[in-house]
C-alpha atoms as a PDB file:
ATOM      1  CA  UNK A   1      60.200  52.569 100.688  1.00  0.00           C
ATOM      2  CA  UNK A   2      63.044  54.989 100.232  1.00  0.00           C
ATOM      3  CA  UNK A   3      63.031  58.048 102.435  1.00  0.00           C
ATOM      4  CA  UNK A   4      63.231  61.480 100.864  1.00  0.00           C
ATOM      5  CA  UNK A   5      66.702  62.988 101.211  1.00  0.00           C
ATOM      6  CA  UNK A   6      66.950  65.476 104.022  1.00  0.00           C
ATOM      7  CA  UNK A   7      67.648  69.084 103.164  1.00  0.00           C
ATOM      8  CA  UNK A   8      71.250  70.114 103.623  1.00  0.00           C
ATOM      9  CA  UNK A   9      72.069  73.431 105.313  1.00  0.00           C
ATOM     10  CA  UNK A  10      73.399  74.716 101.982  1.00  0.00           C
ATOM     11  CA  UNK A  11      70.194  74.158 100.002  1.00  0.00           C
ATOM     12  CA  UNK A  12      66.916  75.996  99.905  1.00  0.00           C
ATOM     13  CA  UNK A  13      66.394  75.333 103.621  1.00  0.00           C
ATOM     14  CA  UNK A  14      69.085  77.899 104.413  1.00  0.00           C
ATOM     15  CA  UNK A  15      67.402  81.315 103.996  1.00  0.00           C
ATOM     16  CA  UNK A  16      70.551  83.199 104.978  1.00  0.00           C
ATOM     17  CA  UNK A  17      72.387  81.616 102.043  1.00  0.00           C
ATOM     18  CA  UNK A  18      69.635  82.674  99.672  1.00  0.00           C
ATOM     19  CA  UNK A  19      69.863  86.238 100.996  1.00  0.00           C
ATOM     20  CA  UNK A  20      73.635  86.314 100.562  1.00  0.00           C
ATOM     21  CA  UNK A  21      73.293  84.976  97.022  1.00  0.00           C
ATOM     22  CA  UNK A  22      70.698  87.617  96.159  1.00  0.00           C
ATOM     23  CA  UNK A  23      72.867  90.399  97.577  1.00  0.00           C
ATOM     24  CA  UNK A  24      75.836  89.221  95.508  1.00  0.00           C
ATOM     25  CA  UNK A  25      73.955  89.164  92.212  1.00  0.00           C
ATOM     26  CA  UNK A  26      74.308  92.856  91.270  1.00  0.00           C
ATOM     27  CA  UNK A  27      78.067  92.664  91.734  1.00  0.00           C
ATOM     28  CA  UNK A  28      78.279  89.439  89.739  1.00  0.00           C
ATOM     29  CA  UNK A  29      76.225  90.963  86.931  1.00  0.00           C
ATOM     30  CA  UNK A  30      78.386  94.096  86.874  1.00  0.00           C
ATOM     31  CA  UNK A  31      81.583  92.055  86.727  1.00  0.00           C
ATOM     32  CA  UNK A  32      80.225  89.919  83.896  1.00  0.00           C
ATOM     33  CA  UNK A  33      79.044  93.012  82.035  1.00  0.00           C
ATOM     34  CA  UNK A  34      82.411  94.754  82.441  1.00  0.00           C
ATOM     35  CA  UNK A  35      84.260  91.786  80.967  1.00  0.00           C
ATOM     36  CA  UNK A  36      81.899  91.443  78.013  1.00  0.00           C
ATOM     37  CA  UNK A  37      81.656  95.161  77.261  1.00  0.00           C
ATOM     38  CA  UNK A  38      85.440  95.522  77.213  1.00  0.00           C
ATOM     39  CA  UNK A  39      86.065  92.314  75.257  1.00  0.00           C
ATOM     40  CA  UNK A  40      83.257  92.611  72.706  1.00  0.00           C
ATOM     41  CA  UNK A  41      82.168  96.243  72.728  1.00  0.00           C
ATOM     42  CA  UNK A  42      78.857  97.758  73.709  1.00  0.00           C
ATOM     43  CA  UNK A  43      76.898  97.019  70.525  1.00  0.00           C
ATOM     44  CA  UNK A  44      78.008  93.393  70.282  1.00  0.00           C
ATOM     45  CA  UNK A  45      77.259  92.541  73.920  1.00  0.00           C
ATOM     46  CA  UNK A  46      73.827  91.024  74.530  1.00  0.00           C
ATOM     47  CA  UNK A  47      72.160  91.065  77.933  1.00  0.00           C
ATOM     48  CA  UNK A  48      71.550  87.330  77.581  1.00  0.00           C
ATOM     49  CA  UNK A  49      75.309  86.799  77.517  1.00  0.00           C
ATOM     50  CA  UNK A  50      75.777  88.907  80.620  1.00  0.00           C
ATOM     51  CA  UNK A  51      73.104  86.950  82.480  1.00  0.00           C
ATOM     52  CA  UNK A  52      74.554  83.622  81.367  1.00  0.00           C
ATOM     53  CA  UNK A  53      78.071  84.567  82.457  1.00  0.00           C
ATOM     54  CA  UNK A  54      76.743  85.705  85.832  1.00  0.00           C
ATOM     55  CA  UNK A  55      74.801  82.462  86.209  1.00  0.00           C
ATOM     56  CA  UNK A  56      71.320  83.976  86.276  1.00  0.00           C
ATOM     57  CA  UNK A  57      68.385  84.286  83.918  1.00  0.00           C
ATOM     58  CA  UNK A  58      67.763  87.254  81.634  1.00  0.00           C
ATOM     59  CA  UNK A  59      64.690  88.039  83.702  1.00  0.00           C
ATOM     60  CA  UNK A  60      66.783  88.210  86.863  1.00  0.00           C
ATOM     61  CA  UNK A  61      69.127  90.693  85.209  1.00  0.00           C
ATOM     62  CA  UNK A  62      66.212  92.979  84.422  1.00  0.00           C
ATOM     63  CA  UNK A  63      65.175  92.918  88.077  1.00  0.00           C
ATOM     64  CA  UNK A  64      68.331  94.910  88.800  1.00  0.00           C
ATOM     65  CA  UNK A  65      68.930  96.850  85.560  1.00  0.00           C
ATOM     66  CA  UNK A  66      66.116  98.108  83.350  1.00  0.00           C
ATOM     67  CA  UNK A  67      68.108  98.086  80.103  1.00  0.00           C
ATOM     68  CA  UNK A  68      71.537  97.441  78.626  1.00  0.00           C
ATOM     69  CA  UNK A  69      72.228 101.174  78.786  1.00  0.00           C
ATOM     70  CA  UNK A  70      71.433 101.230  82.512  1.00  0.00           C
ATOM     71  CA  UNK A  71      73.682  98.217  82.976  1.00  0.00           C
ATOM     72  CA  UNK A  72      76.550  99.951  81.200  1.00  0.00           C
ATOM     73  CA  UNK A  73      76.126 103.113  83.278  1.00  0.00           C
ATOM     74  CA  UNK A  74      76.168 101.030  86.442  1.00  0.00           C
ATOM     75  CA  UNK A  75      79.411  99.387  85.280  1.00  0.00           C
ATOM     76  CA  UNK A  76      81.027 102.813  84.796  1.00  0.00           C
ATOM     77  CA  UNK A  77      79.858 104.010  88.211  1.00  0.00           C
ATOM     78  CA  UNK A  78      80.958 100.829  89.943  1.00  0.00           C
ATOM     79  CA  UNK A  79      84.447 100.816  88.471  1.00  0.00           C
ATOM     80  CA  UNK A  80      85.343 104.476  87.870  1.00  0.00           C
ATOM     81  CA  UNK A  81      83.028 107.386  88.586  1.00  0.00           C
ATOM     82  CA  UNK A  82      81.824 106.018  91.898  1.00  0.00           C
ATOM     83  CA  UNK A  83      85.380 106.301  93.186  1.00  0.00           C
ATOM     84  CA  UNK A  84      85.638 110.071  92.784  1.00  0.00           C
ATOM     85  CA  UNK A  85      84.166 110.990  96.199  1.00  0.00           C
ATOM     86  CA  UNK A  86      86.821 108.879  97.927  1.00  0.00           C
ATOM     87  CA  UNK A  87      89.572 110.235  95.682  1.00  0.00           C
ATOM     88  CA  UNK A  88      88.429 113.769  96.479  1.00  0.00           C
ATOM     89  CA  UNK A  89      88.660 113.052 100.204  1.00  0.00           C
ATOM     90  CA  UNK A  90      92.167 111.688  99.744  1.00  0.00           C
ATOM     91  CA  UNK A  91      93.221 114.892  97.987  1.00  0.00           C
ATOM     92  CA  UNK A  92      91.714 116.978 100.790  1.00  0.00           C
ATOM     93  CA  UNK A  93      93.436 114.955 103.522  1.00  0.00           C
ATOM     94  CA  UNK A  94      96.900 114.909 101.939  1.00  0.00           C
ATOM     95  CA  UNK A  95      99.433 116.662 104.160  1.00  0.00           C
ATOM     96  CA  UNK A  96     102.592 116.321 102.072  1.00  0.00           C
ATOM     97  CA  UNK A  97     103.790 118.257  99.061  1.00  0.00           C
ATOM     98  CA  UNK A  98     101.727 118.711  95.942  1.00  0.00           C
ATOM     99  CA  UNK A  99     104.460 116.922  93.977  1.00  0.00           C
ATOM    100  CA  UNK A 100     104.007 113.867  96.192  1.00  0.00           C
ATOM    101  CA  UNK A 101     100.236 114.152  95.830  1.00  0.00           C
ATOM    102  CA  UNK A 102     100.462 114.204  92.043  1.00  0.00           C
ATOM    103  CA  UNK A 103     102.724 111.154  92.032  1.00  0.00           C
ATOM    104  CA  UNK A 104     100.397 109.338  94.417  1.00  0.00           C
ATOM    105  CA  UNK A 105      97.378 110.195  92.274  1.00  0.00           C
ATOM    106  CA  UNK A 106      98.992 108.869  89.090  1.00  0.00           C
ATOM    107  CA  UNK A 107     100.184 105.621  90.673  1.00  0.00           C
ATOM    108  CA  UNK A 108      96.893 104.935  92.428  1.00  0.00           C
ATOM    109  CA  UNK A 109      94.966 105.566  89.223  1.00  0.00           C
ATOM    110  CA  UNK A 110      97.040 102.828  87.658  1.00  0.00           C
ATOM    111  CA  UNK A 111      96.463 100.367  90.498  1.00  0.00           C
ATOM    112  CA  UNK A 112      92.727 101.045  90.830  1.00  0.00           C
ATOM    113  CA  UNK A 113      91.756 101.569  87.178  1.00  0.00           C
ATOM    114  CA  UNK A 114      94.572 101.423  84.638  1.00  0.00           C
ATOM    115  CA  UNK A 115      95.785  97.924  85.518  1.00  0.00           C
ATOM    116  CA  UNK A 116      92.244  96.565  85.688  1.00  0.00           C
ATOM    117  CA  UNK A 117      89.641  95.595  83.122  1.00  0.00           C
ATOM    118  CA  UNK A 118      87.981  98.972  83.711  1.00  0.00           C
ATOM    119  CA  UNK A 119      90.665 100.772  81.700  1.00  0.00           C
ATOM    120  CA  UNK A 120      89.089  99.251  78.594  1.00  0.00           C
ATOM    121  CA  UNK A 121      85.944 101.346  79.061  1.00  0.00           C
ATOM    122  CA  UNK A 122      87.734 104.399  77.695  1.00  0.00           C
ATOM    123  CA  UNK A 123      88.604 102.565  74.474  1.00  0.00           C
ATOM    124  CA  UNK A 124      85.003 101.358  74.182  1.00  0.00           C
ATOM    125  CA  UNK A 125      83.686 104.920  74.442  1.00  0.00           C
ATOM    126  CA  UNK A 126      86.155 106.216  71.874  1.00  0.00           C
ATOM    127  CA  UNK A 127      85.313 103.492  69.360  1.00  0.00           C
ATOM    128  CA  UNK A 128      81.513 103.535  69.774  1.00  0.00           C
ATOM    129  CA  UNK A 129      80.742 107.160  70.625  1.00  0.00           C
ATOM    130  CA  UNK A 130      79.490 107.866  67.105  1.00  0.00           C
ATOM    131  CA  UNK A 131      76.826 105.174  67.330  1.00  0.00           C
ATOM    132  CA  UNK A 132      75.930 105.798  70.972  1.00  0.00           C
ATOM    133  CA  UNK A 133      76.351 109.545  71.618  1.00  0.00           C
ATOM    134  CA  UNK A 134      74.258 109.361  74.778  1.00  0.00           C
ATOM    135  CA  UNK A 135      76.824 107.015  76.319  1.00  0.00           C
ATOM    136  CA  UNK A 136      79.652 109.344  75.281  1.00  0.00           C
ATOM    137  CA  UNK A 137      77.843 112.255  76.948  1.00  0.00           C
ATOM    138  CA  UNK A 138      77.305 110.175  80.072  1.00  0.00           C
ATOM    139  CA  UNK A 139      80.994 109.203  80.199  1.00  0.00           C
ATOM    140  CA  UNK A 140      82.050 112.808  79.667  1.00  0.00           C
ATOM    141  CA  UNK A 141      79.926 113.967  82.594  1.00  0.00           C
ATOM    142  CA  UNK A 142      80.637 111.065  84.945  1.00  0.00           C
ATOM    143  CA  UNK A 143      84.330 110.420  84.281  1.00  0.00           C
ATOM    144  CA  UNK A 144      86.099 113.015  82.147  1.00  0.00           C
ATOM    145  CA  UNK A 145      84.823 116.185  83.826  1.00  0.00           C
ATOM    146  CA  UNK A 146      85.367 115.071  87.453  1.00  0.00           C
ATOM    147  CA  UNK A 147      88.714 113.516  86.510  1.00  0.00           C
ATOM    148  CA  UNK A 148      89.902 116.776  84.992  1.00  0.00           C
ATOM    149  CA  UNK A 149      88.668 118.655  88.041  1.00  0.00           C
ATOM    150  CA  UNK A 150      90.557 116.380  90.406  1.00  0.00           C
ATOM    151  CA  UNK A 151      93.820 116.993  88.551  1.00  0.00           C
ATOM    152  CA  UNK A 152      93.079 120.727  88.394  1.00  0.00           C
ATOM    153  CA  UNK A 153      92.751 120.819  92.177  1.00  0.00           C
ATOM    154  CA  UNK A 154      96.098 119.092  92.645  1.00  0.00           C
ATOM    155  CA  UNK A 155      97.847 121.434  90.232  1.00  0.00           C
ATOM    156  CA  UNK A 156      96.206 124.512  91.739  1.00  0.00           C
ATOM    157  CA  UNK A 157      97.284 123.336  95.183  1.00  0.00           C
ATOM    158  CA  UNK A 158     100.858 123.280  93.924  1.00  0.00           C
ATOM    159  CA  UNK A 159     100.508 126.781  92.467  1.00  0.00           C
ATOM    160  CA  UNK A 160      98.986 128.171  95.667  1.00  0.00           C
ATOM    161  CA  UNK A 161     101.780 126.687  97.767  1.00  0.00           C
ATOM    162  CA  UNK A 162     104.516 127.979  95.481  1.00  0.00           C
ATOM    163  CA  UNK A 163     105.581 124.548  94.198  1.00  0.00           C
ATOM    164  CA  UNK A 164     104.301 124.704  90.616  1.00  0.00           C
ATOM    165  CA  UNK A 165     104.499 127.373  87.959  1.00  0.00           C
ATOM    166  CA  UNK A 166     101.631 126.898  85.510  1.00  0.00           C
ATOM    167  CA  UNK A 167     100.797 129.328  82.732  1.00  0.00           C
ATOM    168  CA  UNK A 168      97.991 127.340  81.103  1.00  0.00           C
ATOM    169  CA  UNK A 169      95.970 125.243  83.526  1.00  0.00           C
ATOM    170  CA  UNK A 170      93.730 123.585  80.920  1.00  0.00           C
ATOM    171  CA  UNK A 171      96.678 122.349  78.860  1.00  0.00           C
ATOM    172  CA  UNK A 172      98.554 121.276  81.977  1.00  0.00           C
ATOM    173  CA  UNK A 173      95.622 119.069  83.009  1.00  0.00           C
ATOM    174  CA  UNK A 174      95.764 117.299  79.650  1.00  0.00           C
ATOM    175  CA  UNK A 175      99.538 117.026  79.916  1.00  0.00           C
ATOM    176  CA  UNK A 176      99.001 114.983  83.086  1.00  0.00           C
ATOM    177  CA  UNK A 177      96.121 112.867  81.810  1.00  0.00           C
ATOM    178  CA  UNK A 178      96.913 112.188  78.152  1.00  0.00           C
ATOM    179  CA  UNK A 179      99.796 109.733  78.800  1.00  0.00           C
ATOM    180  CA  UNK A 180      97.651 107.917  81.385  1.00  0.00           C
ATOM    181  CA  UNK A 181      94.854 107.458  78.882  1.00  0.00           C
ATOM    182  CA  UNK A 182      97.321 106.271  76.250  1.00  0.00           C
ATOM    183  CA  UNK A 183      98.765 103.745  78.677  1.00  0.00           C
ATOM    184  CA  UNK A 184      95.290 102.496  79.514  1.00  0.00           C
ATOM    185  CA  UNK A 185      94.405 102.156  75.833  1.00  0.00           C
ATOM    186  CA  UNK A 186      97.613 100.248  75.139  1.00  0.00           C
ATOM    187  CA  UNK A 187      96.489  97.511  77.524  1.00  0.00           C
ATOM    188  CA  UNK A 188      93.578  96.741  75.216  1.00  0.00           C
ATOM    189  CA  UNK A 189      95.252  97.005  71.818  1.00  0.00           C
ATOM    190  CA  UNK A 190      96.336  94.265  69.413  1.00  0.00           C
ATOM    191  CA  UNK A 191      93.698  91.879  70.655  1.00  0.00           C
ATOM    192  CA  UNK A 192      94.344  92.571  74.308  1.00  0.00           C
ATOM    193  CA  UNK A 193      97.554  90.582  74.433  1.00  0.00           C
ATOM    194  CA  UNK A 194      98.656  91.884  77.798  1.00  0.00           C
ATOM    195  CA  UNK A 195     101.367  94.260  76.691  1.00  0.00           C
ATOM    196  CA  UNK A 196      99.147  95.890  74.111  1.00  0.00           C
ATOM    197  CA  UNK A 197     100.863  97.818  71.337  1.00  0.00           C
ATOM    198  CA  UNK A 198     104.021  98.330  73.409  1.00  0.00           C
ATOM    199  CA  UNK A 199     104.966  94.940  74.901  1.00  0.00           C
ATOM    200  CA  UNK A 200     108.297  96.221  76.171  1.00  0.00           C
ATOM    201  CA  UNK A 201     106.695  99.045  78.142  1.00  0.00           C
ATOM    202  CA  UNK A 202     106.625  98.544  81.895  1.00  0.00           C
ATOM    203  CA  UNK A 203     103.716 100.625  83.253  1.00  0.00           C
ATOM    204  CA  UNK A 204     105.307 101.394  86.622  1.00  0.00           C
ATOM    205  CA  UNK A 205     108.504 102.622  84.968  1.00  0.00           C
ATOM    206  CA  UNK A 206     106.558 104.647  82.420  1.00  0.00           C
ATOM    207  CA  UNK A 207     104.483 106.356  85.119  1.00  0.00           C
ATOM    208  CA  UNK A 208     107.608 107.173  87.118  1.00  0.00           C
ATOM    209  CA  UNK A 209     109.223 108.769  84.044  1.00  0.00           C
ATOM    210  CA  UNK A 210     105.984 110.587  83.249  1.00  0.00           C
ATOM    211  CA  UNK A 211     105.700 112.172  86.695  1.00  0.00           C
ATOM    212  CA  UNK A 212     109.391 113.063  86.815  1.00  0.00           C
ATOM    213  CA  UNK A 213     109.099 114.729  83.408  1.00  0.00           C
ATOM    214  CA  UNK A 214     106.070 116.704  84.564  1.00  0.00           C
ATOM    215  CA  UNK A 215     107.803 117.858  87.724  1.00  0.00           C
ATOM    216  CA  UNK A 216     111.276 118.536  86.360  1.00  0.00           C
ATOM    217  CA  UNK A 217     110.985 118.836  82.583  1.00  0.00           C
ATOM    218  CA  UNK A 218     113.495 117.647  80.033  1.00  0.00           C
ATOM    219  CA  UNK A 219     115.884 120.578  80.162  1.00  0.00           C
ATOM    220  CA  UNK A 220     118.808 120.669  82.538  1.00  0.00           C
ATOM    221  CA  UNK A 221     117.943 123.090  85.284  1.00  0.00           C
ATOM    222  CA  UNK A 222     120.417 125.933  85.779  1.00  0.00           C
ATOM    223  CA  UNK A 223     122.443 125.547  88.943  1.00  0.00           C
ATOM    224  CA  UNK A 224     124.264 128.167  90.998  1.00  0.00           C
ATOM    225  CA  UNK A 225     126.744 130.280  89.097  1.00  0.00           C
ATOM    226  CA  UNK A 226     130.212 128.751  88.996  1.00  0.00           C
ATOM    227  CA  UNK A 227     132.982 131.082  90.151  1.00  0.00           C
ATOM    228  CA  UNK A 228     135.732 130.816  87.580  1.00  0.00           C
ATOM    229  CA  UNK A 229     139.240 131.859  88.605  1.00  0.00           C
ATOM    230  CA  UNK A 230     140.340 135.201  87.226  1.00  0.00           C
ATOM    231  CA  UNK A 231     143.649 135.795  85.444  1.00  0.00           C
ATOM    232  CA  UNK A 232     146.788 135.422  87.475  1.00  0.00           C
ATOM    233  CA  UNK A 233     147.952 138.984  88.122  1.00  0.00           C
ATOM    234  CA  UNK A 234     151.549 137.824  87.841  1.00  0.00           C
ATOM    235  CA  UNK A 235     151.047 136.543  84.316  1.00  0.00           C
ATOM    236  CA  UNK A 236     148.366 138.953  83.107  1.00  0.00           C
ATOM    237  CA  UNK A 237     149.584 141.045  80.202  1.00  0.00           C
ATOM    238  CA  UNK A 238     147.814 144.315  79.449  1.00  0.00           C
END
């Protein structure tokens, strides 16, 4: 008679593996949801698809997230709004100039959000806000408001330290953020073909130009007065 196969350490006999798998499930579900929400939109994404992509049952998904709306909110918090406490600490601990802080903020936004799948959430909100106003309100409160406040703090720091001259703080905040949002949107335009609607645009170069324009403007800055030679007294005719 054949003997029953012995349990391997990687099967159900390994409780530590089961625990690790269970702990990983929320992250796997959030990653699957992010990809589907960005690729298909909120309305078109079904929770069954998210569960299937994450390799679990629909029932397992609902053990962690009560509804599709809760799942979406968790995706936003995991990828964007949950980062604000750390970003705030980084602003507080910065010891260099405010100009350097602004440049650092812009470049790190690109690395942590703009260059990732998460930058597509903004486009999703803009396109579906009319049908899901509660999600638009959530995004406004969780992402837009704290993001604006973070930039305001950096700009105000520059004003307080005599680096920046700002006459309209609200408009200056949007002057910083609007090109970043446009760059993020471009990554998910024209079917998400990598370069978006501007395939020749290199994000790092664009962000460098953007920050330099913010800090220095387009106009040539006046330099010290040039001392021009006066008339030669030997040839000057009254």
